[in-house]
N, C-alpha and C. Protein backbone atom coordinates (compact mmCIF):
# COMPACT_ATOMS: atom_id res chain seq x y z
N UNK A 1 0.67 11.50 26.60
CA UNK A 1 0.21 10.43 25.70
C UNK A 1 1.43 9.68 25.16
N UNK A 2 1.42 8.39 25.21
CA UNK A 2 2.52 7.58 24.72
C UNK A 2 2.39 7.36 23.22
N UNK A 3 3.48 7.59 22.52
CA UNK A 3 3.49 7.40 21.07
C UNK A 3 4.27 6.14 20.74
N UNK A 4 3.62 5.23 20.03
CA UNK A 4 4.27 3.98 19.63
C UNK A 4 4.90 4.17 18.26
N UNK A 5 6.20 3.99 18.17
CA UNK A 5 6.90 4.13 16.91
C UNK A 5 6.70 2.90 16.04
N UNK A 6 6.34 3.15 14.78
CA UNK A 6 6.08 2.03 13.87
C UNK A 6 7.40 1.38 13.47
N UNK A 7 7.42 0.06 13.47
CA UNK A 7 8.62 -0.68 13.11
C UNK A 7 8.67 -0.89 11.60
N UNK A 8 9.82 -0.62 11.01
CA UNK A 8 10.03 -0.89 9.60
C UNK A 8 11.04 -2.01 9.45
N UNK A 9 10.80 -2.86 8.45
CA UNK A 9 11.62 -4.05 8.25
C UNK A 9 12.32 -3.97 6.89
N UNK A 10 13.47 -4.59 6.79
CA UNK A 10 14.13 -4.74 5.49
C UNK A 10 13.47 -5.91 4.76
N UNK A 11 13.60 -5.97 3.43
CA UNK A 11 13.06 -7.13 2.71
C UNK A 11 13.62 -8.45 3.23
N UNK A 12 14.89 -8.44 3.63
CA UNK A 12 15.52 -9.66 4.14
C UNK A 12 14.89 -10.09 5.47
N UNK A 13 14.59 -9.11 6.33
CA UNK A 13 13.95 -9.43 7.60
C UNK A 13 12.55 -10.00 7.36
N UNK A 14 11.82 -9.39 6.43
CA UNK A 14 10.49 -9.89 6.10
C UNK A 14 10.54 -11.34 5.62
N UNK A 15 11.44 -11.63 4.69
CA UNK A 15 11.52 -12.98 4.15
C UNK A 15 11.88 -14.00 5.22
N UNK A 16 12.77 -13.60 6.13
CA UNK A 16 13.13 -14.51 7.23
C UNK A 16 11.94 -14.78 8.13
N UNK A 17 11.16 -13.74 8.42
CA UNK A 17 9.97 -13.91 9.25
C UNK A 17 8.91 -14.74 8.53
N UNK A 18 8.79 -14.52 7.24
CA UNK A 18 7.76 -15.22 6.45
C UNK A 18 8.06 -16.71 6.37
N UNK A 19 9.31 -17.08 6.41
CA UNK A 19 9.69 -18.49 6.35
C UNK A 19 9.10 -19.29 7.51
N UNK A 20 8.98 -18.66 8.68
CA UNK A 20 8.54 -19.38 9.88
C UNK A 20 7.15 -18.95 10.34
N UNK A 21 6.54 -18.00 9.62
CA UNK A 21 5.23 -17.49 10.04
C UNK A 21 4.13 -18.52 9.82
N UNK A 22 3.15 -18.50 10.69
CA UNK A 22 2.02 -19.41 10.56
C UNK A 22 1.06 -18.94 9.47
N UNK A 23 0.97 -17.61 9.31
CA UNK A 23 0.07 -17.03 8.30
C UNK A 23 0.87 -16.11 7.38
N UNK A 24 0.40 -15.97 6.15
CA UNK A 24 1.09 -15.14 5.17
C UNK A 24 0.88 -13.65 5.44
N UNK A 25 1.90 -12.86 5.05
CA UNK A 25 1.81 -11.40 5.14
C UNK A 25 2.39 -10.80 3.87
N UNK A 26 1.94 -9.59 3.55
CA UNK A 26 2.52 -8.82 2.47
C UNK A 26 3.61 -7.90 3.04
N UNK A 27 4.51 -7.48 2.18
CA UNK A 27 5.53 -6.52 2.55
C UNK A 27 5.36 -5.30 1.66
N UNK A 28 5.15 -4.12 2.26
CA UNK A 28 4.92 -2.90 1.49
C UNK A 28 5.89 -1.83 1.98
N UNK A 29 7.01 -1.70 1.28
CA UNK A 29 7.99 -0.66 1.54
C UNK A 29 8.34 -0.53 3.03
N UNK A 30 8.69 -1.65 3.64
CA UNK A 30 9.13 -1.62 5.02
C UNK A 30 8.11 -2.09 6.04
N UNK A 31 6.85 -2.11 5.65
CA UNK A 31 5.79 -2.54 6.55
C UNK A 31 5.35 -3.96 6.24
N UNK A 32 5.05 -4.71 7.27
CA UNK A 32 4.53 -6.07 7.12
C UNK A 32 3.04 -6.05 7.44
N UNK A 33 2.24 -6.47 6.46
CA UNK A 33 0.78 -6.41 6.57
C UNK A 33 0.21 -7.82 6.52
N UNK A 34 -0.40 -8.30 7.62
CA UNK A 34 -0.99 -9.65 7.60
C UNK A 34 -2.09 -9.75 6.55
N UNK A 35 -2.16 -10.89 5.89
CA UNK A 35 -3.20 -11.15 4.90
C UNK A 35 -4.37 -11.84 5.58
N UNK A 36 -5.55 -11.28 5.38
CA UNK A 36 -6.75 -11.87 5.99
C UNK A 36 -7.02 -13.24 5.39
N UNK A 37 -7.58 -14.12 6.19
CA UNK A 37 -7.91 -15.46 5.71
C UNK A 37 -8.97 -15.42 4.62
N UNK A 38 -8.86 -16.33 3.67
CA UNK A 38 -9.79 -16.36 2.55
C UNK A 38 -11.09 -17.06 2.90
N UNK A 39 -12.13 -16.75 2.14
CA UNK A 39 -13.43 -17.39 2.32
C UNK A 39 -13.54 -18.60 1.40
N UNK A 40 -14.59 -19.38 1.60
CA UNK A 40 -14.85 -20.52 0.73
C UNK A 40 -15.06 -20.05 -0.71
N UNK A 41 -15.82 -18.97 -0.90
CA UNK A 41 -16.05 -18.45 -2.25
C UNK A 41 -14.75 -18.00 -2.91
N UNK A 42 -13.93 -17.31 -2.14
CA UNK A 42 -12.64 -16.84 -2.64
C UNK A 42 -11.80 -18.01 -3.15
N UNK A 43 -11.72 -19.04 -2.33
CA UNK A 43 -10.94 -20.22 -2.69
C UNK A 43 -11.51 -20.93 -3.91
N UNK A 44 -12.85 -21.05 -3.97
CA UNK A 44 -13.49 -21.77 -5.07
C UNK A 44 -13.26 -21.07 -6.41
N UNK A 45 -13.38 -19.74 -6.41
CA UNK A 45 -13.19 -18.98 -7.65
C UNK A 45 -11.75 -19.11 -8.14
N UNK A 46 -10.79 -18.93 -7.23
CA UNK A 46 -9.38 -19.05 -7.62
C UNK A 46 -9.07 -20.47 -8.11
N UNK A 47 -9.66 -21.47 -7.45
CA UNK A 47 -9.45 -22.85 -7.86
C UNK A 47 -10.07 -23.12 -9.23
N UNK A 48 -11.30 -22.66 -9.45
CA UNK A 48 -11.96 -22.84 -10.74
C UNK A 48 -11.13 -22.27 -11.88
N UNK A 49 -10.66 -21.04 -11.69
CA UNK A 49 -9.89 -20.39 -12.74
C UNK A 49 -8.55 -21.09 -12.96
N UNK A 50 -7.84 -21.39 -11.89
CA UNK A 50 -6.53 -22.04 -12.01
C UNK A 50 -6.63 -23.40 -12.68
N UNK A 51 -7.67 -24.15 -12.35
CA UNK A 51 -7.88 -25.47 -12.95
C UNK A 51 -8.09 -25.36 -14.45
N UNK A 52 -8.95 -24.43 -14.87
CA UNK A 52 -9.21 -24.24 -16.30
C UNK A 52 -7.96 -23.77 -17.03
N UNK A 53 -7.22 -22.85 -16.41
CA UNK A 53 -5.98 -22.36 -17.02
C UNK A 53 -4.96 -23.47 -17.17
N UNK A 54 -4.78 -24.23 -16.11
CA UNK A 54 -3.79 -25.30 -16.13
C UNK A 54 -4.10 -26.34 -17.21
N UNK A 55 -5.38 -26.65 -17.37
CA UNK A 55 -5.79 -27.61 -18.41
C UNK A 55 -5.57 -27.02 -19.80
N UNK A 56 -5.94 -25.75 -19.97
CA UNK A 56 -5.81 -25.11 -21.29
C UNK A 56 -4.36 -24.98 -21.73
N UNK A 57 -3.46 -24.80 -20.76
CA UNK A 57 -2.06 -24.54 -21.10
C UNK A 57 -1.15 -25.75 -20.92
N UNK A 58 -1.71 -26.96 -20.82
CA UNK A 58 -0.89 -28.11 -20.48
C UNK A 58 0.16 -28.43 -21.54
N UNK A 59 -0.05 -28.00 -22.78
CA UNK A 59 0.96 -28.22 -23.82
C UNK A 59 1.44 -26.90 -24.43
N UNK A 60 1.25 -25.81 -23.68
CA UNK A 60 1.69 -24.51 -24.15
C UNK A 60 2.68 -23.92 -23.14
N UNK A 61 3.45 -22.95 -23.60
CA UNK A 61 4.51 -22.40 -22.76
C UNK A 61 4.01 -21.25 -21.90
N UNK A 62 3.02 -21.58 -21.05
CA UNK A 62 2.53 -20.64 -20.05
C UNK A 62 2.58 -21.34 -18.69
N UNK A 63 2.83 -20.57 -17.65
CA UNK A 63 2.87 -21.11 -16.30
C UNK A 63 1.83 -20.39 -15.44
N UNK A 64 1.08 -21.18 -14.68
CA UNK A 64 0.01 -20.64 -13.83
C UNK A 64 0.41 -20.85 -12.37
N UNK A 65 0.31 -19.77 -11.59
CA UNK A 65 0.64 -19.84 -10.16
C UNK A 65 -0.55 -19.35 -9.35
N UNK A 66 -0.82 -20.03 -8.27
CA UNK A 66 -2.00 -19.73 -7.46
C UNK A 66 -1.64 -19.56 -6.00
N UNK A 67 -1.83 -18.34 -5.51
CA UNK A 67 -1.86 -18.11 -4.06
C UNK A 67 -0.59 -18.13 -3.27
N UNK A 68 0.20 -19.18 -3.37
CA UNK A 68 1.34 -19.34 -2.48
C UNK A 68 2.66 -18.83 -3.06
N UNK A 69 2.66 -18.39 -4.30
CA UNK A 69 3.89 -17.88 -4.92
C UNK A 69 3.90 -16.36 -4.80
N UNK A 70 5.01 -15.83 -4.26
CA UNK A 70 5.13 -14.39 -4.06
C UNK A 70 5.49 -13.67 -5.35
N UNK A 71 5.05 -12.44 -5.44
CA UNK A 71 5.45 -11.53 -6.51
C UNK A 71 6.26 -10.40 -5.90
N UNK A 72 7.44 -10.14 -6.46
CA UNK A 72 8.27 -9.03 -6.00
C UNK A 72 8.15 -7.88 -7.00
N UNK A 73 7.77 -6.70 -6.50
CA UNK A 73 7.62 -5.50 -7.33
C UNK A 73 8.71 -4.52 -6.92
N UNK A 74 9.86 -4.55 -7.58
CA UNK A 74 11.02 -3.80 -7.10
C UNK A 74 10.83 -2.29 -7.05
N UNK A 75 10.10 -1.72 -8.02
CA UNK A 75 9.94 -0.27 -8.04
C UNK A 75 9.14 0.25 -6.85
N UNK A 76 8.28 -0.59 -6.27
CA UNK A 76 7.48 -0.18 -5.11
C UNK A 76 7.91 -0.89 -3.82
N UNK A 77 8.93 -1.76 -3.93
CA UNK A 77 9.40 -2.52 -2.77
C UNK A 77 8.22 -3.24 -2.09
N UNK A 78 7.55 -4.06 -2.90
CA UNK A 78 6.38 -4.79 -2.43
C UNK A 78 6.56 -6.28 -2.71
N UNK A 79 6.31 -7.09 -1.68
CA UNK A 79 6.11 -8.53 -1.83
C UNK A 79 4.63 -8.79 -1.60
N UNK A 80 4.00 -9.47 -2.53
CA UNK A 80 2.59 -9.75 -2.38
C UNK A 80 2.27 -11.13 -2.95
N UNK A 81 1.07 -11.61 -2.67
CA UNK A 81 0.63 -12.93 -3.12
C UNK A 81 -0.64 -12.79 -3.97
N UNK A 82 -0.51 -12.52 -5.26
CA UNK A 82 -1.72 -12.47 -6.10
C UNK A 82 -2.46 -13.81 -6.06
N UNK A 83 -3.77 -13.75 -6.25
CA UNK A 83 -4.56 -14.99 -6.22
C UNK A 83 -4.19 -15.92 -7.36
N UNK A 84 -4.01 -15.37 -8.55
CA UNK A 84 -3.59 -16.16 -9.70
C UNK A 84 -2.65 -15.30 -10.55
N UNK A 85 -1.56 -15.90 -11.03
CA UNK A 85 -0.66 -15.23 -11.98
C UNK A 85 -0.42 -16.14 -13.17
N UNK A 86 -0.30 -15.54 -14.34
CA UNK A 86 0.08 -16.27 -15.55
C UNK A 86 1.38 -15.67 -16.08
N UNK A 87 2.36 -16.52 -16.30
CA UNK A 87 3.62 -16.10 -16.89
C UNK A 87 3.70 -16.68 -18.31
N UNK A 88 3.96 -15.82 -19.28
CA UNK A 88 4.15 -16.27 -20.66
C UNK A 88 5.62 -16.60 -20.86
N UNK A 89 5.92 -17.81 -21.30
CA UNK A 89 7.30 -18.24 -21.44
C UNK A 89 7.85 -18.71 -20.10
N UNK A 90 9.13 -18.55 -19.92
CA UNK A 90 9.77 -19.05 -18.71
C UNK A 90 9.66 -18.04 -17.56
N UNK A 91 9.38 -18.50 -16.36
CA UNK A 91 9.30 -17.59 -15.22
C UNK A 91 10.68 -17.05 -14.84
N UNK A 92 10.69 -15.78 -14.42
CA UNK A 92 11.91 -15.19 -13.88
C UNK A 92 11.77 -15.16 -12.36
N UNK A 93 12.73 -15.76 -11.68
CA UNK A 93 12.69 -15.86 -10.23
C UNK A 93 13.65 -14.84 -9.61
N UNK A 94 13.19 -14.16 -8.58
CA UNK A 94 14.02 -13.18 -7.88
C UNK A 94 15.06 -13.91 -7.02
N UNK A 95 16.33 -13.56 -7.22
CA UNK A 95 17.44 -14.18 -6.47
C UNK A 95 17.43 -15.71 -6.60
N UNK A 96 16.94 -16.19 -7.74
CA UNK A 96 16.89 -17.63 -8.01
C UNK A 96 16.03 -18.41 -7.02
N UNK A 97 15.13 -17.70 -6.33
CA UNK A 97 14.23 -18.38 -5.39
C UNK A 97 12.98 -18.83 -6.14
N UNK A 98 12.62 -20.09 -6.02
CA UNK A 98 11.51 -20.66 -6.78
C UNK A 98 10.14 -20.21 -6.26
N UNK A 99 10.12 -19.43 -5.17
CA UNK A 99 8.84 -18.98 -4.63
C UNK A 99 8.60 -17.49 -4.85
N UNK A 100 9.42 -16.85 -5.72
CA UNK A 100 9.28 -15.41 -5.94
C UNK A 100 9.39 -15.08 -7.43
N UNK A 101 8.28 -14.63 -8.00
CA UNK A 101 8.17 -14.36 -9.43
C UNK A 101 8.38 -12.86 -9.70
N UNK A 102 8.95 -12.59 -10.88
CA UNK A 102 9.17 -11.20 -11.29
C UNK A 102 8.38 -10.79 -12.54
N UNK A 103 7.91 -11.75 -13.34
CA UNK A 103 7.44 -11.41 -14.69
C UNK A 103 6.04 -11.92 -15.05
N UNK A 104 5.02 -11.66 -14.24
CA UNK A 104 3.68 -12.09 -14.66
C UNK A 104 3.16 -11.24 -15.81
N UNK A 105 2.39 -11.86 -16.69
CA UNK A 105 1.72 -11.12 -17.77
C UNK A 105 0.28 -10.83 -17.40
N UNK A 106 -0.36 -11.79 -16.72
CA UNK A 106 -1.75 -11.62 -16.28
C UNK A 106 -1.80 -11.85 -14.77
N UNK A 107 -2.54 -10.98 -14.08
CA UNK A 107 -2.74 -11.13 -12.64
C UNK A 107 -4.24 -11.10 -12.37
N UNK A 108 -4.68 -11.99 -11.48
CA UNK A 108 -6.09 -12.07 -11.10
C UNK A 108 -6.20 -11.92 -9.59
N UNK A 109 -7.10 -11.04 -9.16
CA UNK A 109 -7.40 -10.90 -7.74
C UNK A 109 -8.89 -11.16 -7.52
N UNK A 110 -9.20 -12.00 -6.54
CA UNK A 110 -10.58 -12.21 -6.12
C UNK A 110 -10.85 -11.22 -4.99
N UNK A 111 -11.82 -10.36 -5.19
CA UNK A 111 -12.03 -9.24 -4.27
C UNK A 111 -12.68 -9.67 -2.97
N UNK A 112 -12.21 -9.08 -1.88
CA UNK A 112 -12.89 -9.21 -0.59
C UNK A 112 -13.23 -7.80 -0.12
N UNK A 113 -14.12 -7.69 0.86
CA UNK A 113 -14.53 -6.37 1.33
C UNK A 113 -13.35 -5.57 1.88
N UNK A 114 -12.42 -6.25 2.54
CA UNK A 114 -11.30 -5.55 3.18
C UNK A 114 -10.24 -5.09 2.19
N UNK A 115 -10.15 -5.74 1.01
CA UNK A 115 -9.08 -5.40 0.06
C UNK A 115 -9.60 -4.79 -1.24
N UNK A 116 -10.92 -4.63 -1.37
CA UNK A 116 -11.51 -4.18 -2.64
C UNK A 116 -10.88 -2.88 -3.14
N UNK A 117 -10.82 -1.87 -2.28
CA UNK A 117 -10.27 -0.58 -2.69
C UNK A 117 -8.80 -0.65 -3.00
N UNK A 118 -8.05 -1.38 -2.18
CA UNK A 118 -6.61 -1.53 -2.38
C UNK A 118 -6.29 -2.25 -3.69
N UNK A 119 -7.05 -3.32 -3.99
CA UNK A 119 -6.84 -4.06 -5.23
C UNK A 119 -7.13 -3.21 -6.46
N UNK A 120 -8.15 -2.35 -6.36
CA UNK A 120 -8.53 -1.50 -7.48
C UNK A 120 -7.52 -0.39 -7.74
N UNK A 121 -6.98 0.17 -6.68
CA UNK A 121 -6.20 1.39 -6.83
C UNK A 121 -4.70 1.18 -6.59
N UNK A 122 -4.28 1.13 -5.33
CA UNK A 122 -2.85 1.10 -5.03
C UNK A 122 -2.16 -0.15 -5.60
N UNK A 123 -2.81 -1.29 -5.45
CA UNK A 123 -2.17 -2.52 -5.94
C UNK A 123 -2.09 -2.52 -7.47
N UNK A 124 -3.15 -2.10 -8.13
CA UNK A 124 -3.15 -2.03 -9.58
C UNK A 124 -2.07 -1.05 -10.07
N UNK A 125 -1.92 0.07 -9.37
CA UNK A 125 -0.89 1.04 -9.72
C UNK A 125 0.51 0.42 -9.57
N UNK A 126 0.70 -0.36 -8.51
CA UNK A 126 1.99 -1.02 -8.31
C UNK A 126 2.23 -2.07 -9.39
N UNK A 127 1.21 -2.85 -9.71
CA UNK A 127 1.36 -3.87 -10.75
C UNK A 127 1.77 -3.25 -12.08
N UNK A 128 1.29 -2.04 -12.36
CA UNK A 128 1.57 -1.40 -13.65
C UNK A 128 3.04 -1.00 -13.80
N UNK A 129 3.82 -1.07 -12.73
CA UNK A 129 5.25 -0.79 -12.85
C UNK A 129 6.02 -2.02 -13.35
N UNK A 130 5.36 -3.17 -13.45
CA UNK A 130 5.99 -4.40 -13.94
C UNK A 130 5.95 -4.39 -15.46
N UNK A 131 7.09 -4.49 -16.10
CA UNK A 131 7.18 -4.33 -17.56
C UNK A 131 6.39 -5.40 -18.33
N UNK A 132 6.29 -6.61 -17.77
CA UNK A 132 5.60 -7.71 -18.48
C UNK A 132 4.09 -7.71 -18.24
N UNK A 133 3.61 -6.94 -17.29
CA UNK A 133 2.20 -6.97 -16.87
C UNK A 133 1.32 -6.32 -17.93
N UNK A 134 0.33 -7.07 -18.43
CA UNK A 134 -0.52 -6.57 -19.51
C UNK A 134 -2.02 -6.73 -19.27
N UNK A 135 -2.40 -7.52 -18.25
CA UNK A 135 -3.83 -7.79 -18.08
C UNK A 135 -4.16 -8.06 -16.61
N UNK A 136 -5.32 -7.53 -16.18
CA UNK A 136 -5.71 -7.59 -14.77
C UNK A 136 -7.18 -7.95 -14.69
N UNK A 137 -7.49 -9.01 -13.94
CA UNK A 137 -8.88 -9.40 -13.71
C UNK A 137 -9.21 -9.21 -12.23
N UNK A 138 -10.32 -8.54 -11.97
CA UNK A 138 -10.83 -8.37 -10.61
C UNK A 138 -12.17 -9.09 -10.53
N UNK A 139 -12.23 -10.12 -9.70
CA UNK A 139 -13.40 -11.00 -9.66
C UNK A 139 -14.12 -10.81 -8.33
N UNK A 140 -15.39 -10.43 -8.39
CA UNK A 140 -16.20 -10.26 -7.19
C UNK A 140 -16.60 -11.63 -6.66
N UNK A 141 -16.55 -11.82 -5.36
CA UNK A 141 -16.97 -13.10 -4.79
C UNK A 141 -18.35 -13.05 -4.16
N UNK A 142 -19.00 -11.87 -4.17
CA UNK A 142 -20.33 -11.75 -3.56
C UNK A 142 -21.44 -11.71 -4.60
N UNK A 143 -21.08 -11.58 -5.87
CA UNK A 143 -22.04 -11.55 -6.97
C UNK A 143 -21.28 -11.86 -8.26
N UNK A 144 -22.04 -12.13 -9.33
CA UNK A 144 -21.40 -12.38 -10.62
C UNK A 144 -21.00 -11.04 -11.22
N UNK A 145 -19.72 -10.73 -11.12
CA UNK A 145 -19.23 -9.46 -11.65
C UNK A 145 -17.71 -9.53 -11.77
N UNK A 146 -17.20 -9.24 -12.96
CA UNK A 146 -15.76 -9.27 -13.21
C UNK A 146 -15.37 -8.02 -14.00
N UNK A 147 -14.25 -7.41 -13.60
CA UNK A 147 -13.67 -6.31 -14.36
C UNK A 147 -12.38 -6.81 -15.00
N UNK A 148 -12.22 -6.52 -16.28
CA UNK A 148 -11.04 -6.93 -17.03
C UNK A 148 -10.33 -5.69 -17.58
N UNK A 149 -9.12 -5.47 -17.11
CA UNK A 149 -8.30 -4.37 -17.61
C UNK A 149 -7.22 -4.95 -18.52
N UNK A 150 -7.11 -4.45 -19.73
CA UNK A 150 -6.07 -4.93 -20.64
C UNK A 150 -5.31 -3.73 -21.20
N UNK A 151 -4.00 -3.89 -21.28
CA UNK A 151 -3.14 -2.79 -21.74
C UNK A 151 -3.24 -2.65 -23.26
N UNK A 152 -3.49 -1.43 -23.72
CA UNK A 152 -3.62 -1.19 -25.16
C UNK A 152 -2.55 -0.23 -25.67
N UNK A 153 -1.74 0.31 -24.78
CA UNK A 153 -0.68 1.23 -25.17
C UNK A 153 0.00 1.76 -23.94
N UNK A 154 1.02 2.58 -24.13
CA UNK A 154 1.74 3.15 -23.00
C UNK A 154 0.79 4.02 -22.17
N UNK A 155 0.63 3.66 -20.91
CA UNK A 155 -0.27 4.37 -19.98
C UNK A 155 -1.72 4.34 -20.43
N UNK A 156 -2.08 3.34 -21.23
CA UNK A 156 -3.46 3.22 -21.71
C UNK A 156 -3.98 1.81 -21.41
N UNK A 157 -5.13 1.76 -20.74
CA UNK A 157 -5.75 0.48 -20.39
C UNK A 157 -7.21 0.51 -20.79
N UNK A 158 -7.68 -0.64 -21.26
CA UNK A 158 -9.09 -0.79 -21.63
C UNK A 158 -9.82 -1.57 -20.55
N UNK A 159 -11.04 -1.15 -20.22
CA UNK A 159 -11.86 -1.82 -19.21
C UNK A 159 -13.06 -2.48 -19.88
N UNK A 160 -13.29 -3.76 -19.51
CA UNK A 160 -14.51 -4.44 -19.91
C UNK A 160 -15.13 -5.08 -18.69
N UNK A 161 -16.46 -5.01 -18.58
CA UNK A 161 -17.18 -5.57 -17.43
C UNK A 161 -18.03 -6.76 -17.85
N UNK A 162 -18.17 -7.71 -16.93
CA UNK A 162 -18.99 -8.91 -17.15
C UNK A 162 -19.89 -9.09 -15.93
N UNK A 163 -21.18 -9.37 -16.18
CA UNK A 163 -22.09 -9.54 -15.04
C UNK A 163 -23.21 -10.54 -15.31
N UNK A 164 -23.06 -11.36 -16.34
CA UNK A 164 -24.10 -12.34 -16.68
C UNK A 164 -23.48 -13.73 -16.81
N UNK A 165 -24.19 -14.73 -16.29
CA UNK A 165 -23.67 -16.10 -16.25
C UNK A 165 -23.37 -16.65 -17.64
N UNK A 166 -24.10 -16.19 -18.65
CA UNK A 166 -23.91 -16.74 -20.00
C UNK A 166 -22.81 -16.02 -20.79
N UNK A 167 -22.13 -15.06 -20.16
CA UNK A 167 -21.03 -14.38 -20.83
C UNK A 167 -19.74 -15.19 -20.70
N UNK A 168 -18.82 -14.92 -21.61
CA UNK A 168 -17.50 -15.55 -21.56
C UNK A 168 -16.42 -14.48 -21.50
N UNK A 169 -15.42 -14.72 -20.65
CA UNK A 169 -14.28 -13.83 -20.57
C UNK A 169 -13.19 -14.36 -21.49
N UNK A 170 -12.75 -13.53 -22.40
CA UNK A 170 -11.62 -13.88 -23.28
C UNK A 170 -10.45 -12.99 -22.88
N UNK A 171 -9.33 -13.61 -22.50
CA UNK A 171 -8.16 -12.81 -22.21
C UNK A 171 -7.68 -12.12 -23.48
N UNK A 172 -7.25 -10.89 -23.34
CA UNK A 172 -6.86 -10.09 -24.50
C UNK A 172 -5.43 -10.37 -24.93
N UNK A 173 -4.60 -10.85 -24.00
CA UNK A 173 -3.17 -10.98 -24.29
C UNK A 173 -2.69 -12.43 -24.34
N UNK A 174 -3.57 -13.36 -24.00
CA UNK A 174 -3.22 -14.78 -23.97
C UNK A 174 -4.43 -15.55 -24.51
N UNK A 175 -4.23 -16.60 -25.32
CA UNK A 175 -5.36 -17.35 -25.87
C UNK A 175 -6.05 -18.22 -24.82
N UNK A 176 -7.04 -17.63 -24.16
CA UNK A 176 -7.78 -18.37 -23.11
C UNK A 176 -9.16 -17.75 -22.98
N UNK A 177 -10.15 -18.62 -22.75
CA UNK A 177 -11.53 -18.17 -22.57
C UNK A 177 -12.19 -19.01 -21.49
N UNK A 178 -13.00 -18.37 -20.66
CA UNK A 178 -13.75 -19.08 -19.62
C UNK A 178 -15.12 -18.42 -19.47
N UNK A 179 -16.16 -19.24 -19.32
CA UNK A 179 -17.49 -18.70 -19.09
C UNK A 179 -17.63 -18.29 -17.64
N UNK A 180 -18.47 -17.32 -17.37
CA UNK A 180 -18.71 -16.94 -15.98
C UNK A 180 -19.38 -18.07 -15.22
N UNK A 181 -20.13 -18.91 -15.93
CA UNK A 181 -20.75 -20.07 -15.29
C UNK A 181 -19.68 -21.00 -14.74
N UNK A 182 -18.61 -21.22 -15.50
CA UNK A 182 -17.53 -22.07 -15.03
C UNK A 182 -16.68 -21.37 -13.97
N UNK A 183 -16.47 -20.08 -14.13
CA UNK A 183 -15.68 -19.33 -13.15
C UNK A 183 -16.34 -19.36 -11.78
N UNK A 184 -17.67 -19.26 -11.76
CA UNK A 184 -18.42 -19.22 -10.50
C UNK A 184 -19.03 -20.58 -10.14
N UNK A 185 -18.55 -21.65 -10.75
CA UNK A 185 -19.07 -22.98 -10.46
C UNK A 185 -18.93 -23.30 -8.96
N UNK A 186 -20.01 -23.76 -8.33
CA UNK A 186 -20.07 -24.15 -6.92
C UNK A 186 -19.92 -22.97 -5.94
N UNK A 187 -19.96 -21.75 -6.47
CA UNK A 187 -19.91 -20.58 -5.59
C UNK A 187 -21.33 -20.25 -5.14
N UNK A 188 -21.51 -20.08 -3.84
CA UNK A 188 -22.83 -19.79 -3.28
C UNK A 188 -22.83 -18.38 -2.72
N UNK A 189 -23.75 -17.56 -3.24
CA UNK A 189 -23.84 -16.19 -2.80
C UNK A 189 -24.81 -16.06 -1.64
N UNK A 190 -24.49 -15.15 -0.73
CA UNK A 190 -25.41 -14.85 0.37
C UNK A 190 -26.60 -14.08 -0.19
N UNK A 191 -27.83 -14.39 0.29
CA UNK A 191 -28.98 -13.62 -0.19
C UNK A 191 -28.84 -12.15 0.20
N UNK A 192 -29.13 -11.28 -0.77
CA UNK A 192 -29.00 -9.84 -0.52
C UNK A 192 -30.32 -9.28 -0.02
N UNK A 193 -30.24 -8.46 1.04
CA UNK A 193 -31.44 -7.83 1.57
C UNK A 193 -31.77 -6.60 0.74
N UNK A 194 -33.04 -6.48 0.37
CA UNK A 194 -33.48 -5.32 -0.39
C UNK A 194 -33.62 -4.14 0.54
N UNK A 195 -33.26 -2.94 0.05
CA UNK A 195 -33.35 -1.74 0.86
C UNK A 195 -34.80 -1.47 1.23
N UNK A 196 -35.04 -1.25 2.51
CA UNK A 196 -36.38 -0.96 2.97
C UNK A 196 -37.22 -2.20 3.20
N UNK A 197 -36.63 -3.37 3.00
CA UNK A 197 -37.37 -4.61 3.18
C UNK A 197 -37.62 -4.85 4.65
N UNK A 198 -38.83 -5.18 5.00
CA UNK A 198 -39.18 -5.40 6.39
C UNK A 198 -39.49 -6.87 6.63
N UNK A 199 -39.26 -7.31 7.85
CA UNK A 199 -39.53 -8.70 8.21
C UNK A 199 -40.66 -8.71 9.20
N UNK A 200 -41.71 -9.49 8.90
CA UNK A 200 -42.85 -9.61 9.82
C UNK A 200 -42.49 -10.50 10.98
N UNK A 201 -42.78 -10.04 12.18
CA UNK A 201 -42.55 -10.84 13.38
C UNK A 201 -43.89 -11.14 14.00
N UNK A 202 -44.19 -12.42 14.14
CA UNK A 202 -45.49 -12.80 14.71
C UNK A 202 -45.43 -12.76 16.23
């Protein structure tokens, strides 16, 4: 049986490849992982949130980044592309590169089926090694459902869930509020099949 040896890359090799790549990839401690293409719902949710944030902070010292700006997590040797990041104050750039952030305070991920578990567990654990990181939103794109994790102390996080259109999400660490109706504006959910539901065929 032939064994294929896995190739490991340095961060410098990854960045050089990413400069010319047609599609984005994450870097996780030597491995390059292609990022799956986003859905219309994924894009709409991230756009809705980023638009509201950008308007709310237009005269405040917060910076909002969406999708194309990399985050470097030095303790885990990870380069990743969060869906939305908020930086309080001035952004810190890794190696003075304007496309790589070091100091987000709030990170938002729009969940997909392929990344749901990773976003909840390994990625959240990696984000928690960032000293400035204080709040995490996980937004479902298949139904109205949001999880909000906010830091309340050393190694202590509070969880709040939202699942109704008339609810409002208030960030715990930054003065911002958005209704779920606005967050999910123009998002169309696929009809869910009920368990045991049968279809009559004539």
